[in-house]
Each structure stands twice: as C-alpha cells, then as structure tokens.
Amino acid sequence: MEMALEFVFRWAHVVFGIVWIGMLYYFNFVQTEYFKEAEADAKADAMKKLAPRALWWFRWGAMFTFLTGLVLLHMVGAMSNWVASGLIWIGALAGTFMFLNVWLIIWPNQQIVLGMKEGDGPSAAAKAGLASRTNTLFSGPMLLGMLGSKHLFIDGISSTGVGVCLALVVLLEANALFGKMGPMASVKGVIHCSIALAAAIWAILAFV
C-alpha cells in the first residue's frame, strides 16, 4: 500500500511538473519572443486574453508540484541522510526557489504588467523577467535532482560537494532578486546556462 501511495504522489508530481515547466518554457521560449515582434493590437489582445489564462495554469502547476514534492520528500526518507540524498536536496532547493519565484515575484509583477493592478510596468516586467529566466536556469539542475536521485549513481558524494552545490543555487537565487540576466537574456543563452549548471553540479558531486 505504501509503495502504491508513493507511486500515486510521484505520478501526480510529474503531471503537475509537466504543466508548470511546460508553461515556463512556453513563456520564455515562445511568448516573450512573440511579444517582441507582435503588432500592437495583437500583443494587447494576447496580454488581455491569453497571458492571464497561461499564468493561471503556470502558478497552480507550480503550487501542486511543490506540494506533492514535499509529500515525496517525506515518503522517500530524504530527511534522514541529507548527504546520501544530496541530489534530491539540490533538486528540492532549486524547485523550492522556483516555486517561490512564481508566487512572490513573477505573478505579482505580471499582474502589474498586464494591467491587473497598479504599479511601475517596466520595472515589474524586468523583475518578472529575471525571475522567470532564473527558473529556466534552475530547471536543468532541478530535473537532475529528480531523476538522478533514482537513476544516476555517483560514488562517494561528500558533504562538502553537496554544500557547495546548495550554496551555488542560493547565490544564483540571490542574483534573481538583486542581479542581472547576463547571458540568460537570450533563449540560447539561458538554455546553455541551464545545461552548464546541471553539468557543473554533477561534476562537483562527483569530484569534490
């Protein structure tokens, strides 16, 4: 019964994650680029009718991915040995920051951008954009943590390696709050950065 329950939550976690990350990639790879080229009337119509619907699925996908993830963390016993469960914790930290970015940065600022509440539109767009790009950056390491904890064997993971990786994720989240996009400004740039970050975390865990 316990294994069946874990499977149900894992299945739900993946389904909600597909909704969330699918919408994240849509915003970053499709909608943002379209808005740069769209005619004024088409952009205004999309901001009024399309973007709010997409953001609904985006934020609630994030919510339920996060909640089912918490249940799975408890069920798989990651609380008991954080070094042995290093990949899980790195993925969980990245996922938690991504969830918080959605609800505390992206959604409130997008409400201003879309005219749903008062505020400085350009400033709100910049804050939401940086947080969204950071979430795209984190998606690679987050998936590495989800999949690697079950399917990737790294011999002799150390507490130092796990600590370095967690610190790196925290520093990148600090950039999401106070920094700049840098190479993440372009679609190719953020994709390359996400892959490079996942590879760096793998290397740190393997060799540190």
N, C-alpha and C. Protein backbone atom coordinates (compact mmCIF):
# COMPACT_ATOMS: atom_id res chain seq x y z
N MET A 1 0.83 -1.21 0.00
CA MET A 1 0.00 0.00 0.00
C MET A 1 0.86 1.26 0.00
N GLU A 2 1.95 1.23 0.79
CA GLU A 2 2.82 2.40 0.88
C GLU A 2 3.49 2.67 -0.47
N MET A 3 3.93 1.60 -1.16
CA MET A 3 4.55 1.78 -2.47
C MET A 3 3.55 2.32 -3.48
N ALA A 4 2.32 1.83 -3.42
CA ALA A 4 1.28 2.32 -4.33
C ALA A 4 1.00 3.80 -4.09
N LEU A 5 0.96 4.20 -2.81
CA LEU A 5 0.71 5.60 -2.47
C LEU A 5 1.85 6.49 -2.94
N GLU A 6 3.08 6.00 -2.76
CA GLU A 6 4.23 6.77 -3.23
C GLU A 6 4.17 6.95 -4.75
N PHE A 7 3.77 5.88 -5.46
CA PHE A 7 3.65 5.97 -6.91
C PHE A 7 2.61 7.01 -7.31
N VAL A 8 1.48 7.03 -6.63
CA VAL A 8 0.42 7.99 -6.95
C VAL A 8 0.94 9.43 -6.81
N PHE A 9 1.64 9.69 -5.70
CA PHE A 9 2.17 11.04 -5.50
C PHE A 9 3.28 11.36 -6.50
N ARG A 10 4.10 10.36 -6.83
CA ARG A 10 5.16 10.58 -7.83
C ARG A 10 4.55 10.88 -9.19
N TRP A 11 3.50 10.12 -9.55
CA TRP A 11 2.79 10.36 -10.81
C TRP A 11 2.20 11.75 -10.85
N ALA A 12 1.53 12.15 -9.77
CA ALA A 12 0.93 13.47 -9.69
C ALA A 12 2.00 14.56 -9.75
N HIS A 13 3.12 14.32 -9.08
CA HIS A 13 4.23 15.28 -9.07
C HIS A 13 4.74 15.52 -10.49
N VAL A 14 4.88 14.46 -11.25
CA VAL A 14 5.36 14.58 -12.62
C VAL A 14 4.32 15.28 -13.50
N VAL A 15 3.04 14.92 -13.36
CA VAL A 15 1.99 15.55 -14.16
C VAL A 15 1.94 17.05 -13.90
N PHE A 16 1.90 17.43 -12.62
CA PHE A 16 1.87 18.87 -12.30
C PHE A 16 3.16 19.55 -12.76
N GLY A 17 4.28 18.84 -12.66
CA GLY A 17 5.56 19.40 -13.11
C GLY A 17 5.58 19.65 -14.60
N ILE A 18 4.97 18.74 -15.37
CA ILE A 18 4.89 18.95 -16.82
C ILE A 18 4.10 20.21 -17.13
N VAL A 19 2.99 20.41 -16.43
CA VAL A 19 2.19 21.63 -16.63
C VAL A 19 3.02 22.87 -16.31
N TRP A 20 3.67 22.85 -15.15
CA TRP A 20 4.44 24.01 -14.69
C TRP A 20 5.60 24.31 -15.62
N ILE A 21 6.48 23.33 -15.83
CA ILE A 21 7.68 23.59 -16.61
C ILE A 21 7.34 23.80 -18.08
N GLY A 22 6.29 23.11 -18.55
CA GLY A 22 5.84 23.36 -19.92
C GLY A 22 5.43 24.81 -20.13
N MET A 23 4.68 25.35 -19.16
CA MET A 23 4.29 26.76 -19.26
C MET A 23 5.49 27.68 -19.09
N LEU A 24 6.43 27.32 -18.23
CA LEU A 24 7.66 28.11 -18.06
C LEU A 24 8.41 28.22 -19.38
N TYR A 25 8.58 27.07 -20.06
CA TYR A 25 9.28 27.09 -21.34
C TYR A 25 8.48 27.84 -22.40
N TYR A 26 7.16 27.72 -22.35
CA TYR A 26 6.32 28.47 -23.29
C TYR A 26 6.55 29.97 -23.12
N PHE A 27 6.51 30.44 -21.88
CA PHE A 27 6.70 31.87 -21.64
C PHE A 27 8.07 32.34 -22.12
N ASN A 28 9.12 31.56 -21.79
CA ASN A 28 10.48 32.00 -22.09
C ASN A 28 10.89 31.81 -23.54
N PHE A 29 10.42 30.71 -24.16
CA PHE A 29 10.88 30.40 -25.50
C PHE A 29 9.93 30.86 -26.59
N VAL A 30 8.64 31.04 -26.26
CA VAL A 30 7.65 31.35 -27.28
C VAL A 30 7.01 32.72 -27.07
N GLN A 31 6.29 32.90 -25.94
CA GLN A 31 5.50 34.11 -25.77
C GLN A 31 6.36 35.37 -25.71
N THR A 32 7.43 35.33 -24.93
CA THR A 32 8.29 36.52 -24.80
C THR A 32 8.86 36.93 -26.15
N GLU A 33 9.30 35.95 -26.92
CA GLU A 33 9.88 36.25 -28.23
C GLU A 33 8.81 36.76 -29.19
N TYR A 34 7.59 36.21 -29.09
CA TYR A 34 6.49 36.68 -29.93
C TYR A 34 6.14 38.13 -29.61
N PHE A 35 6.09 38.46 -28.32
CA PHE A 35 5.73 39.82 -27.92
C PHE A 35 6.72 40.85 -28.46
N LYS A 36 7.97 40.44 -28.69
CA LYS A 36 8.97 41.37 -29.23
C LYS A 36 8.65 41.75 -30.66
N GLU A 37 7.93 40.88 -31.38
CA GLU A 37 7.67 41.10 -32.80
C GLU A 37 6.21 41.39 -33.13
N ALA A 38 5.32 41.17 -32.18
CA ALA A 38 3.88 41.26 -32.46
C ALA A 38 3.44 42.69 -32.73
N GLU A 39 2.41 42.80 -33.56
CA GLU A 39 1.77 44.10 -33.76
C GLU A 39 1.10 44.53 -32.46
N ALA A 40 0.95 45.83 -32.28
CA ALA A 40 0.44 46.37 -31.01
C ALA A 40 -0.93 45.79 -30.65
N ASP A 41 -1.84 45.71 -31.63
CA ASP A 41 -3.18 45.20 -31.35
C ASP A 41 -3.14 43.72 -30.97
N ALA A 42 -2.32 42.95 -31.67
CA ALA A 42 -2.22 41.52 -31.38
C ALA A 42 -1.61 41.29 -30.00
N LYS A 43 -0.59 42.07 -29.68
CA LYS A 43 0.04 41.94 -28.36
C LYS A 43 -0.93 42.31 -27.25
N ALA A 44 -1.68 43.40 -27.44
CA ALA A 44 -2.65 43.83 -26.44
C ALA A 44 -3.73 42.77 -26.23
N ASP A 45 -4.18 42.15 -27.31
CA ASP A 45 -5.20 41.11 -27.19
C ASP A 45 -4.65 39.89 -26.46
N ALA A 46 -3.42 39.51 -26.77
CA ALA A 46 -2.80 38.37 -26.10
C ALA A 46 -2.57 38.64 -24.62
N MET A 47 -2.19 39.87 -24.28
CA MET A 47 -1.97 40.22 -22.88
C MET A 47 -3.27 40.23 -22.10
N LYS A 48 -4.37 40.53 -22.78
CA LYS A 48 -5.66 40.59 -22.11
C LYS A 48 -6.31 39.21 -21.97
N LYS A 49 -6.18 38.38 -23.01
CA LYS A 49 -6.94 37.12 -23.05
C LYS A 49 -6.09 35.86 -22.90
N LEU A 50 -4.86 35.89 -23.44
CA LEU A 50 -4.03 34.68 -23.43
C LEU A 50 -3.16 34.58 -22.19
N ALA A 51 -2.39 35.63 -21.92
CA ALA A 51 -1.42 35.59 -20.82
C ALA A 51 -2.04 35.27 -19.47
N PRO A 52 -3.19 35.87 -19.09
CA PRO A 52 -3.77 35.53 -17.78
C PRO A 52 -4.15 34.06 -17.67
N ARG A 53 -4.66 33.47 -18.75
CA ARG A 53 -5.00 32.05 -18.72
C ARG A 53 -3.75 31.19 -18.55
N ALA A 54 -2.72 31.54 -19.31
CA ALA A 54 -1.46 30.78 -19.22
C ALA A 54 -0.85 30.91 -17.83
N LEU A 55 -0.92 32.09 -17.24
CA LEU A 55 -0.37 32.30 -15.90
C LEU A 55 -1.16 31.53 -14.83
N TRP A 56 -2.44 31.32 -15.05
CA TRP A 56 -3.23 30.52 -14.10
C TRP A 56 -2.70 29.10 -14.04
N TRP A 57 -2.54 28.47 -15.21
CA TRP A 57 -2.01 27.11 -15.26
C TRP A 57 -0.57 27.08 -14.73
N PHE A 58 0.19 28.11 -15.03
CA PHE A 58 1.59 28.21 -14.60
C PHE A 58 1.72 28.22 -13.09
N ARG A 59 0.98 29.11 -12.43
CA ARG A 59 1.18 29.24 -10.98
C ARG A 59 0.56 28.08 -10.20
N TRP A 60 -0.57 27.54 -10.68
CA TRP A 60 -1.15 26.42 -9.94
C TRP A 60 -0.42 25.11 -10.25
N GLY A 61 0.15 24.99 -11.43
CA GLY A 61 1.04 23.87 -11.69
C GLY A 61 2.22 23.89 -10.74
N ALA A 62 2.77 25.09 -10.51
CA ALA A 62 3.87 25.24 -9.56
C ALA A 62 3.44 24.86 -8.15
N MET A 63 2.27 25.31 -7.75
CA MET A 63 1.78 25.04 -6.39
C MET A 63 1.67 23.54 -6.13
N PHE A 64 1.03 22.82 -7.03
CA PHE A 64 0.80 21.41 -6.77
C PHE A 64 2.04 20.55 -7.03
N THR A 65 2.94 21.02 -7.88
CA THR A 65 4.23 20.35 -8.00
C THR A 65 4.98 20.46 -6.68
N PHE A 66 4.97 21.63 -6.10
CA PHE A 66 5.66 21.86 -4.83
C PHE A 66 5.05 21.01 -3.71
N LEU A 67 3.73 21.01 -3.60
CA LEU A 67 3.07 20.29 -2.51
C LEU A 67 3.29 18.77 -2.63
N THR A 68 3.15 18.22 -3.82
CA THR A 68 3.40 16.79 -3.98
C THR A 68 4.87 16.46 -3.77
N GLY A 69 5.75 17.40 -4.10
CA GLY A 69 7.17 17.21 -3.84
C GLY A 69 7.48 17.12 -2.37
N LEU A 70 6.82 17.94 -1.57
CA LEU A 70 7.01 17.88 -0.12
C LEU A 70 6.59 16.51 0.43
N VAL A 71 5.46 16.01 -0.07
CA VAL A 71 5.00 14.69 0.37
C VAL A 71 6.02 13.62 0.00
N LEU A 72 6.56 13.69 -1.22
CA LEU A 72 7.53 12.70 -1.66
C LEU A 72 8.82 12.77 -0.86
N LEU A 73 9.26 13.98 -0.52
CA LEU A 73 10.46 14.12 0.31
C LEU A 73 10.29 13.37 1.62
N HIS A 74 9.13 13.49 2.20
CA HIS A 74 8.85 12.78 3.45
C HIS A 74 8.77 11.27 3.22
N MET A 75 8.13 10.87 2.14
CA MET A 75 7.90 9.44 1.91
C MET A 75 9.17 8.69 1.57
N VAL A 76 10.08 9.33 0.84
CA VAL A 76 11.31 8.63 0.45
C VAL A 76 12.38 8.70 1.53
N GLY A 77 12.11 9.45 2.60
CA GLY A 77 13.04 9.48 3.73
C GLY A 77 14.27 10.33 3.50
N ALA A 78 14.16 11.36 2.63
CA ALA A 78 15.32 12.21 2.36
C ALA A 78 15.74 13.01 3.59
N MET A 79 14.82 13.13 4.56
CA MET A 79 15.13 13.89 5.76
C MET A 79 16.22 13.20 6.60
N SER A 80 16.37 11.88 6.44
CA SER A 80 17.22 11.12 7.36
C SER A 80 18.70 11.23 7.06
N ASN A 81 19.09 11.35 5.79
CA ASN A 81 20.50 11.41 5.43
C ASN A 81 20.67 12.36 4.26
N TRP A 82 20.97 13.62 4.57
CA TRP A 82 20.97 14.63 3.53
C TRP A 82 22.16 14.51 2.59
N VAL A 83 23.27 13.89 3.04
CA VAL A 83 24.41 13.71 2.15
C VAL A 83 24.11 12.62 1.12
N ALA A 84 23.63 11.47 1.59
CA ALA A 84 23.28 10.38 0.68
C ALA A 84 22.18 10.81 -0.28
N SER A 85 21.32 11.71 0.16
CA SER A 85 20.22 12.21 -0.67
C SER A 85 20.57 13.56 -1.28
N GLY A 86 21.87 13.78 -1.53
CA GLY A 86 22.34 15.08 -1.99
C GLY A 86 21.64 15.58 -3.24
N LEU A 87 21.48 14.72 -4.23
CA LEU A 87 20.82 15.14 -5.47
C LEU A 87 19.38 15.54 -5.22
N ILE A 88 18.71 14.79 -4.35
CA ILE A 88 17.32 15.14 -4.01
C ILE A 88 17.26 16.54 -3.41
N TRP A 89 18.17 16.82 -2.47
CA TRP A 89 18.13 18.11 -1.79
C TRP A 89 18.49 19.27 -2.71
N ILE A 90 19.43 19.03 -3.63
CA ILE A 90 19.77 20.08 -4.59
C ILE A 90 18.59 20.36 -5.50
N GLY A 91 17.95 19.30 -6.00
CA GLY A 91 16.76 19.48 -6.83
C GLY A 91 15.62 20.12 -6.06
N ALA A 92 15.47 19.71 -4.79
CA ALA A 92 14.39 20.26 -3.97
C ALA A 92 14.60 21.74 -3.68
N LEU A 93 15.85 22.13 -3.42
CA LEU A 93 16.13 23.55 -3.16
C LEU A 93 15.87 24.39 -4.40
N ALA A 94 16.35 23.91 -5.55
CA ALA A 94 16.10 24.63 -6.80
C ALA A 94 14.60 24.73 -7.06
N GLY A 95 13.88 23.62 -6.86
CA GLY A 95 12.44 23.63 -7.08
C GLY A 95 11.70 24.54 -6.13
N THR A 96 12.17 24.60 -4.87
CA THR A 96 11.53 25.49 -3.89
C THR A 96 11.73 26.95 -4.27
N PHE A 97 12.94 27.31 -4.67
CA PHE A 97 13.19 28.69 -5.12
C PHE A 97 12.34 29.00 -6.35
N MET A 98 12.21 28.04 -7.25
CA MET A 98 11.39 28.25 -8.45
C MET A 98 9.93 28.50 -8.06
N PHE A 99 9.42 27.71 -7.13
CA PHE A 99 8.05 27.89 -6.65
C PHE A 99 7.86 29.27 -6.02
N LEU A 100 8.80 29.67 -5.16
CA LEU A 100 8.71 30.98 -4.51
C LEU A 100 8.81 32.11 -5.53
N ASN A 101 9.67 31.93 -6.54
CA ASN A 101 9.79 32.95 -7.58
C ASN A 101 8.46 33.14 -8.32
N VAL A 102 7.77 32.03 -8.56
CA VAL A 102 6.48 32.11 -9.26
C VAL A 102 5.48 32.93 -8.46
N TRP A 103 5.31 32.59 -7.19
CA TRP A 103 4.24 33.18 -6.39
C TRP A 103 4.60 34.53 -5.78
N LEU A 104 5.89 34.76 -5.52
CA LEU A 104 6.27 36.00 -4.83
C LEU A 104 6.88 37.06 -5.74
N ILE A 105 7.33 36.66 -6.93
CA ILE A 105 7.96 37.62 -7.84
C ILE A 105 7.24 37.68 -9.18
N ILE A 106 7.16 36.53 -9.87
CA ILE A 106 6.64 36.54 -11.24
C ILE A 106 5.17 36.94 -11.28
N TRP A 107 4.33 36.25 -10.52
CA TRP A 107 2.90 36.52 -10.56
C TRP A 107 2.55 37.93 -10.10
N PRO A 108 3.05 38.41 -8.95
CA PRO A 108 2.71 39.79 -8.56
C PRO A 108 3.14 40.83 -9.59
N ASN A 109 4.32 40.65 -10.17
CA ASN A 109 4.80 41.63 -11.14
C ASN A 109 4.10 41.49 -12.49
N GLN A 110 3.72 40.28 -12.87
CA GLN A 110 2.97 40.11 -14.10
C GLN A 110 1.59 40.74 -13.99
N GLN A 111 1.02 40.75 -12.80
CA GLN A 111 -0.27 41.42 -12.62
C GLN A 111 -0.15 42.91 -12.95
N ILE A 112 0.98 43.51 -12.61
CA ILE A 112 1.22 44.92 -12.95
C ILE A 112 1.41 45.07 -14.45
N VAL A 113 2.23 44.19 -15.04
CA VAL A 113 2.50 44.25 -16.48
C VAL A 113 1.21 44.12 -17.29
N LEU A 114 0.32 43.25 -16.84
CA LEU A 114 -0.94 43.01 -17.56
C LEU A 114 -2.03 44.01 -17.23
N GLY A 115 -1.73 44.96 -16.35
CA GLY A 115 -2.70 45.98 -16.00
C GLY A 115 -3.77 45.53 -15.03
N MET A 116 -3.51 44.43 -14.32
CA MET A 116 -4.48 43.91 -13.36
C MET A 116 -4.40 44.63 -12.02
N LYS A 117 -3.28 45.32 -11.78
CA LYS A 117 -3.15 46.18 -10.61
C LYS A 117 -2.15 47.28 -10.90
N GLU A 118 -2.15 48.31 -10.08
CA GLU A 118 -1.30 49.48 -10.31
C GLU A 118 0.15 49.18 -10.00
N GLY A 119 1.04 49.90 -10.71
CA GLY A 119 2.46 49.76 -10.44
C GLY A 119 3.29 50.23 -11.62
N ASP A 120 4.61 50.15 -11.46
CA ASP A 120 5.55 50.56 -12.50
C ASP A 120 5.73 49.40 -13.47
N GLY A 121 5.13 49.50 -14.64
CA GLY A 121 5.14 48.43 -15.61
C GLY A 121 6.52 47.96 -16.04
N PRO A 122 7.40 48.88 -16.50
CA PRO A 122 8.74 48.45 -16.95
C PRO A 122 9.55 47.79 -15.84
N SER A 123 9.48 48.34 -14.64
CA SER A 123 10.21 47.75 -13.51
C SER A 123 9.66 46.37 -13.17
N ALA A 124 8.34 46.24 -13.17
CA ALA A 124 7.71 44.95 -12.88
C ALA A 124 8.09 43.91 -13.94
N ALA A 125 8.12 44.33 -15.21
CA ALA A 125 8.47 43.41 -16.29
C ALA A 125 9.90 42.91 -16.13
N ALA A 126 10.80 43.81 -15.72
CA ALA A 126 12.20 43.43 -15.53
C ALA A 126 12.35 42.43 -14.39
N LYS A 127 11.65 42.65 -13.28
CA LYS A 127 11.74 41.75 -12.13
C LYS A 127 11.16 40.38 -12.48
N ALA A 128 10.00 40.38 -13.12
CA ALA A 128 9.37 39.12 -13.51
C ALA A 128 10.23 38.37 -14.52
N GLY A 129 10.82 39.12 -15.45
CA GLY A 129 11.65 38.51 -16.49
C GLY A 129 12.88 37.84 -15.92
N LEU A 130 13.56 38.51 -14.98
CA LEU A 130 14.76 37.93 -14.37
C LEU A 130 14.42 36.68 -13.56
N ALA A 131 13.32 36.73 -12.81
CA ALA A 131 12.92 35.56 -12.02
C ALA A 131 12.53 34.40 -12.94
N SER A 132 11.86 34.71 -14.05
CA SER A 132 11.46 33.67 -14.98
C SER A 132 12.67 33.04 -15.66
N ARG A 133 13.63 33.86 -16.04
CA ARG A 133 14.87 33.34 -16.64
C ARG A 133 15.63 32.48 -15.62
N THR A 134 15.62 32.90 -14.35
CA THR A 134 16.29 32.12 -13.31
C THR A 134 15.61 30.78 -13.12
N ASN A 135 14.29 30.76 -13.17
CA ASN A 135 13.57 29.50 -13.08
C ASN A 135 13.93 28.57 -14.24
N THR A 136 14.08 29.14 -15.43
CA THR A 136 14.51 28.34 -16.57
C THR A 136 15.92 27.81 -16.35
N LEU A 137 16.79 28.64 -15.80
CA LEU A 137 18.15 28.21 -15.44
C LEU A 137 18.11 27.05 -14.46
N PHE A 138 17.27 27.15 -13.45
CA PHE A 138 17.18 26.12 -12.41
C PHE A 138 16.52 24.82 -12.90
N SER A 139 15.78 24.89 -14.00
CA SER A 139 15.02 23.71 -14.42
C SER A 139 15.93 22.51 -14.73
N GLY A 140 17.10 22.76 -15.29
CA GLY A 140 18.03 21.68 -15.58
C GLY A 140 18.54 20.98 -14.32
N PRO A 141 19.12 21.72 -13.36
CA PRO A 141 19.54 21.11 -12.11
C PRO A 141 18.40 20.49 -11.32
N MET A 142 17.23 21.11 -11.35
CA MET A 142 16.09 20.55 -10.64
C MET A 142 15.71 19.17 -11.19
N LEU A 143 15.71 19.04 -12.52
CA LEU A 143 15.41 17.75 -13.13
C LEU A 143 16.54 16.75 -12.90
N LEU A 144 17.78 17.23 -12.85
CA LEU A 144 18.90 16.36 -12.50
C LEU A 144 18.70 15.76 -11.11
N GLY A 145 18.24 16.59 -10.17
CA GLY A 145 17.98 16.10 -8.83
C GLY A 145 16.85 15.10 -8.78
N MET A 146 15.76 15.39 -9.52
CA MET A 146 14.61 14.49 -9.53
C MET A 146 14.97 13.12 -10.12
N LEU A 147 15.62 13.14 -11.27
CA LEU A 147 15.92 11.89 -11.97
C LEU A 147 17.17 11.21 -11.43
N GLY A 148 18.17 12.03 -11.09
CA GLY A 148 19.44 11.47 -10.66
C GLY A 148 19.38 10.75 -9.34
N SER A 149 18.47 11.15 -8.47
CA SER A 149 18.37 10.50 -7.16
C SER A 149 18.00 9.03 -7.29
N LYS A 150 17.33 8.67 -8.39
CA LYS A 150 16.92 7.28 -8.61
C LYS A 150 17.76 6.58 -9.68
N HIS A 151 18.24 7.34 -10.67
CA HIS A 151 18.81 6.71 -11.86
C HIS A 151 20.26 7.09 -12.15
N LEU A 152 20.88 7.93 -11.33
CA LEU A 152 22.27 8.33 -11.55
C LEU A 152 23.10 7.98 -10.32
N PHE A 153 24.08 7.09 -10.48
CA PHE A 153 24.92 6.70 -9.35
C PHE A 153 26.19 7.54 -9.36
N ILE A 154 26.43 8.25 -8.26
CA ILE A 154 27.67 9.00 -8.07
C ILE A 154 28.34 8.44 -6.82
N ASP A 155 29.50 7.87 -7.00
CA ASP A 155 30.18 7.20 -5.89
C ASP A 155 30.79 8.21 -4.93
N GLY A 156 30.51 8.05 -3.65
CA GLY A 156 31.17 8.84 -2.62
C GLY A 156 30.82 10.31 -2.59
N ILE A 157 29.53 10.65 -2.69
CA ILE A 157 29.12 12.04 -2.55
C ILE A 157 29.49 12.53 -1.16
N SER A 158 30.15 13.70 -1.10
CA SER A 158 30.61 14.24 0.18
C SER A 158 29.72 15.37 0.65
N SER A 159 29.77 15.64 1.94
CA SER A 159 29.01 16.77 2.48
C SER A 159 29.52 18.08 1.91
N THR A 160 30.83 18.15 1.61
CA THR A 160 31.40 19.37 1.01
C THR A 160 30.81 19.60 -0.37
N GLY A 161 30.75 18.53 -1.18
CA GLY A 161 30.20 18.67 -2.52
C GLY A 161 28.75 19.10 -2.50
N VAL A 162 27.97 18.48 -1.62
CA VAL A 162 26.56 18.86 -1.51
C VAL A 162 26.44 20.31 -1.05
N GLY A 163 27.25 20.69 -0.07
CA GLY A 163 27.21 22.06 0.45
C GLY A 163 27.57 23.09 -0.60
N VAL A 164 28.59 22.78 -1.43
CA VAL A 164 28.99 23.71 -2.49
C VAL A 164 27.86 23.89 -3.50
N CYS A 165 27.21 22.78 -3.87
CA CYS A 165 26.11 22.85 -4.83
C CYS A 165 24.92 23.65 -4.28
N LEU A 166 24.59 23.40 -3.02
CA LEU A 166 23.49 24.15 -2.41
C LEU A 166 23.81 25.64 -2.34
N ALA A 167 25.07 25.96 -1.99
CA ALA A 167 25.49 27.37 -1.93
C ALA A 167 25.41 28.02 -3.30
N LEU A 168 25.78 27.27 -4.34
CA LEU A 168 25.70 27.80 -5.71
C LEU A 168 24.27 28.13 -6.09
N VAL A 169 23.34 27.26 -5.73
CA VAL A 169 21.92 27.52 -6.02
C VAL A 169 21.44 28.76 -5.27
N VAL A 170 21.85 28.91 -4.01
CA VAL A 170 21.46 30.08 -3.22
C VAL A 170 22.01 31.36 -3.85
N LEU A 171 23.26 31.34 -4.30
CA LEU A 171 23.86 32.53 -4.92
C LEU A 171 23.13 32.92 -6.20
N LEU A 172 22.75 31.93 -6.98
CA LEU A 172 22.02 32.22 -8.22
C LEU A 172 20.62 32.76 -7.94
N GLU A 173 20.01 32.29 -6.85
CA GLU A 173 18.72 32.86 -6.45
C GLU A 173 18.89 34.30 -5.99
N ALA A 174 20.00 34.60 -5.30
CA ALA A 174 20.27 35.98 -4.90
C ALA A 174 20.39 36.87 -6.13
N ASN A 175 20.98 36.35 -7.20
CA ASN A 175 21.05 37.12 -8.44
C ASN A 175 19.66 37.38 -9.01
N ALA A 176 18.76 36.41 -8.83
CA ALA A 176 17.38 36.60 -9.31
C ALA A 176 16.70 37.74 -8.59
N LEU A 177 17.10 37.99 -7.35
CA LEU A 177 16.47 39.05 -6.55
C LEU A 177 17.16 40.40 -6.75
N PHE A 178 18.48 40.37 -6.92
CA PHE A 178 19.22 41.64 -6.88
C PHE A 178 20.16 41.85 -8.06
N GLY A 179 20.27 40.87 -8.96
CA GLY A 179 21.28 40.94 -10.00
C GLY A 179 20.73 41.26 -11.38
N LYS A 180 21.39 40.69 -12.40
CA LYS A 180 21.04 40.94 -13.79
C LYS A 180 20.95 39.63 -14.56
N MET A 181 20.36 39.70 -15.76
CA MET A 181 20.21 38.50 -16.57
C MET A 181 21.52 37.99 -17.11
N GLY A 182 22.40 38.90 -17.52
CA GLY A 182 23.66 38.47 -18.11
C GLY A 182 23.40 37.60 -19.33
N PRO A 183 24.08 36.44 -19.44
CA PRO A 183 23.90 35.58 -20.62
C PRO A 183 22.53 34.93 -20.71
N MET A 184 21.72 35.03 -19.65
CA MET A 184 20.37 34.45 -19.69
C MET A 184 19.39 35.30 -20.49
N ALA A 185 19.82 36.46 -20.98
CA ALA A 185 18.91 37.37 -21.67
C ALA A 185 18.35 36.77 -22.96
N SER A 186 19.13 35.91 -23.61
CA SER A 186 18.65 35.28 -24.84
C SER A 186 18.17 33.86 -24.55
N VAL A 187 17.33 33.34 -25.45
CA VAL A 187 16.83 31.98 -25.29
C VAL A 187 17.98 30.98 -25.33
N LYS A 188 18.87 31.11 -26.33
CA LYS A 188 20.01 30.21 -26.41
C LYS A 188 20.88 30.33 -25.17
N GLY A 189 21.04 31.55 -24.68
CA GLY A 189 21.89 31.77 -23.52
C GLY A 189 21.38 31.07 -22.28
N VAL A 190 20.09 31.18 -22.00
CA VAL A 190 19.55 30.56 -20.78
C VAL A 190 19.54 29.04 -20.90
N ILE A 191 19.30 28.52 -22.11
CA ILE A 191 19.35 27.06 -22.31
C ILE A 191 20.76 26.55 -22.05
N HIS A 192 21.75 27.22 -22.63
CA HIS A 192 23.15 26.81 -22.43
C HIS A 192 23.56 26.92 -20.96
N CYS A 193 23.11 27.99 -20.30
CA CYS A 193 23.44 28.18 -18.89
C CYS A 193 22.83 27.08 -18.02
N SER A 194 21.61 26.67 -18.33
CA SER A 194 20.94 25.63 -17.55
C SER A 194 21.66 24.30 -17.71
N ILE A 195 22.03 23.97 -18.93
CA ILE A 195 22.77 22.72 -19.17
C ILE A 195 24.12 22.76 -18.48
N ALA A 196 24.80 23.91 -18.58
CA ALA A 196 26.12 24.04 -17.96
C ALA A 196 26.03 23.94 -16.43
N LEU A 197 24.98 24.52 -15.85
CA LEU A 197 24.81 24.46 -14.40
C LEU A 197 24.57 23.02 -13.95
N ALA A 198 23.73 22.30 -14.67
CA ALA A 198 23.47 20.90 -14.34
C ALA A 198 24.75 20.08 -14.43
N ALA A 199 25.54 20.32 -15.48
CA ALA A 199 26.81 19.61 -15.64
C ALA A 199 27.79 19.96 -14.52
N ALA A 200 27.82 21.24 -14.13
CA ALA A 200 28.72 21.67 -13.06
C ALA A 200 28.35 21.01 -11.73
N ILE A 201 27.06 20.92 -11.44
CA ILE A 201 26.61 20.27 -10.20
C ILE A 201 26.99 18.79 -10.21
N TRP A 202 26.80 18.14 -11.34
CA TRP A 202 27.19 16.74 -11.48
C TRP A 202 28.68 16.58 -11.21
N ALA A 203 29.50 17.45 -11.82
CA ALA A 203 30.95 17.38 -11.65
C ALA A 203 31.37 17.64 -10.21
N ILE A 204 30.74 18.62 -9.57
CA ILE A 204 31.08 18.93 -8.17
C ILE A 204 30.78 17.75 -7.27
N LEU A 205 29.62 17.14 -7.46
CA LEU A 205 29.25 15.99 -6.62
C LEU A 205 30.18 14.81 -6.88
N ALA A 206 30.64 14.67 -8.11
CA ALA A 206 31.49 13.52 -8.46
C ALA A 206 32.94 13.68 -8.01
N PHE A 207 33.44 14.92 -7.95
CA PHE A 207 34.88 15.10 -7.75
C PHE A 207 35.26 15.89 -6.50
N VAL A 208 34.31 16.55 -5.84
CA VAL A 208 34.66 17.34 -4.65
C VAL A 208 34.52 16.48 -3.40
